[in-house]
Amino acid sequence: MKTNVRQSKLKHAKKTGYRTRQRTKGGRKVNRRQRARHGSF
């Protein structure tokens, strides 16, 4: 059975995911900071 995902949740995921953050300079900085703190993720 397929569970339904509310669109707003999908939108949020698209805007805040790892790949999305890689697209801007600031986002890469965030990813780098997270990697430094938690190891690779």
C-alpha atoms as a PDB file:
ATOM      1  CA  MET A   1       0.000   0.000   0.000  1.00  0.00           C
ATOM      2  CA  LYS A   2       1.301   3.413  -0.938  1.00  0.00           C
ATOM      3  CA  THR A   3       1.256   6.034   1.780  1.00  0.00           C
ATOM      4  CA  ASN A   4       0.276   9.514   0.715  1.00  0.00           C
ATOM      5  CA  VAL A   5       2.733  12.332   1.285  1.00  0.00           C
ATOM      6  CA  ARG A   6       1.316  15.804   1.750  1.00  0.00           C
ATOM      7  CA  GLN A   7       2.655  18.215  -0.853  1.00  0.00           C
ATOM      8  CA  SER A   8       3.819  20.778   1.707  1.00  0.00           C
ATOM      9  CA  LYS A   9       6.029  18.148   3.296  1.00  0.00           C
ATOM     10  CA  LEU A  10       7.487  17.291  -0.110  1.00  0.00           C
ATOM     11  CA  LYS A  11       8.099  20.950  -0.841  1.00  0.00           C
ATOM     12  CA  HIS A  12       9.864  21.378   2.474  1.00  0.00           C
ATOM     13  CA  ALA A  13      12.060  18.370   1.783  1.00  0.00           C
ATOM     14  CA  LYS A  14      12.953  19.684  -1.651  1.00  0.00           C
ATOM     15  CA  LYS A  15      13.937  23.071  -0.286  1.00  0.00           C
ATOM     16  CA  THR A  16      15.961  21.823   2.653  1.00  0.00           C
ATOM     17  CA  GLY A  17      17.616  18.626   1.417  1.00  0.00           C
ATOM     18  CA  TYR A  18      21.332  17.998   1.122  1.00  0.00           C
ATOM     19  CA  ARG A  19      21.382  18.327  -2.681  1.00  0.00           C
ATOM     20  CA  THR A  20      19.527  21.608  -2.607  1.00  0.00           C
ATOM     21  CA  ARG A  21      21.993  23.042  -0.117  1.00  0.00           C
ATOM     22  CA  GLN A  22      24.877  22.019  -2.371  1.00  0.00           C
ATOM     23  CA  ARG A  23      23.583  24.411  -5.041  1.00  0.00           C
ATOM     24  CA  THR A  24      24.601  27.662  -3.357  1.00  0.00           C
ATOM     25  CA  LYS A  25      27.778  28.891  -1.752  1.00  0.00           C
ATOM     26  CA  GLY A  26      26.040  29.376   1.586  1.00  0.00           C
ATOM     27  CA  GLY A  27      24.497  25.922   1.416  1.00  0.00           C
ATOM     28  CA  ARG A  28      27.845  24.285   0.770  1.00  0.00           C
ATOM     29  CA  LYS A  29      29.119  26.083   3.825  1.00  0.00           C
ATOM     30  CA  VAL A  30      26.260  24.628   5.891  1.00  0.00           C
ATOM     31  CA  ASN A  31      26.967  21.121   4.596  1.00  0.00           C
ATOM     32  CA  ARG A  32      30.638  21.473   5.357  1.00  0.00           C
ATOM     33  CA  ARG A  33      29.857  22.625   8.875  1.00  0.00           C
ATOM     34  CA  GLN A  34      27.531  19.672   9.440  1.00  0.00           C
ATOM     35  CA  ARG A  35      30.097  17.251   8.098  1.00  0.00           C
ATOM     36  CA  ALA A  36      32.716  18.689  10.427  1.00  0.00           C
ATOM     37  CA  ARG A  37      30.409  18.324  13.423  1.00  0.00           C
ATOM     38  CA  HIS A  38      28.883  14.929  12.753  1.00  0.00           C
ATOM     39  CA  GLY A  39      31.239  13.217  10.355  1.00  0.00           C
ATOM     40  CA  SER A  40      29.853  12.277   6.950  1.00  0.00           C
ATOM     41  CA  PHE A  41      26.056  12.124   6.806  1.00  0.00           C
END
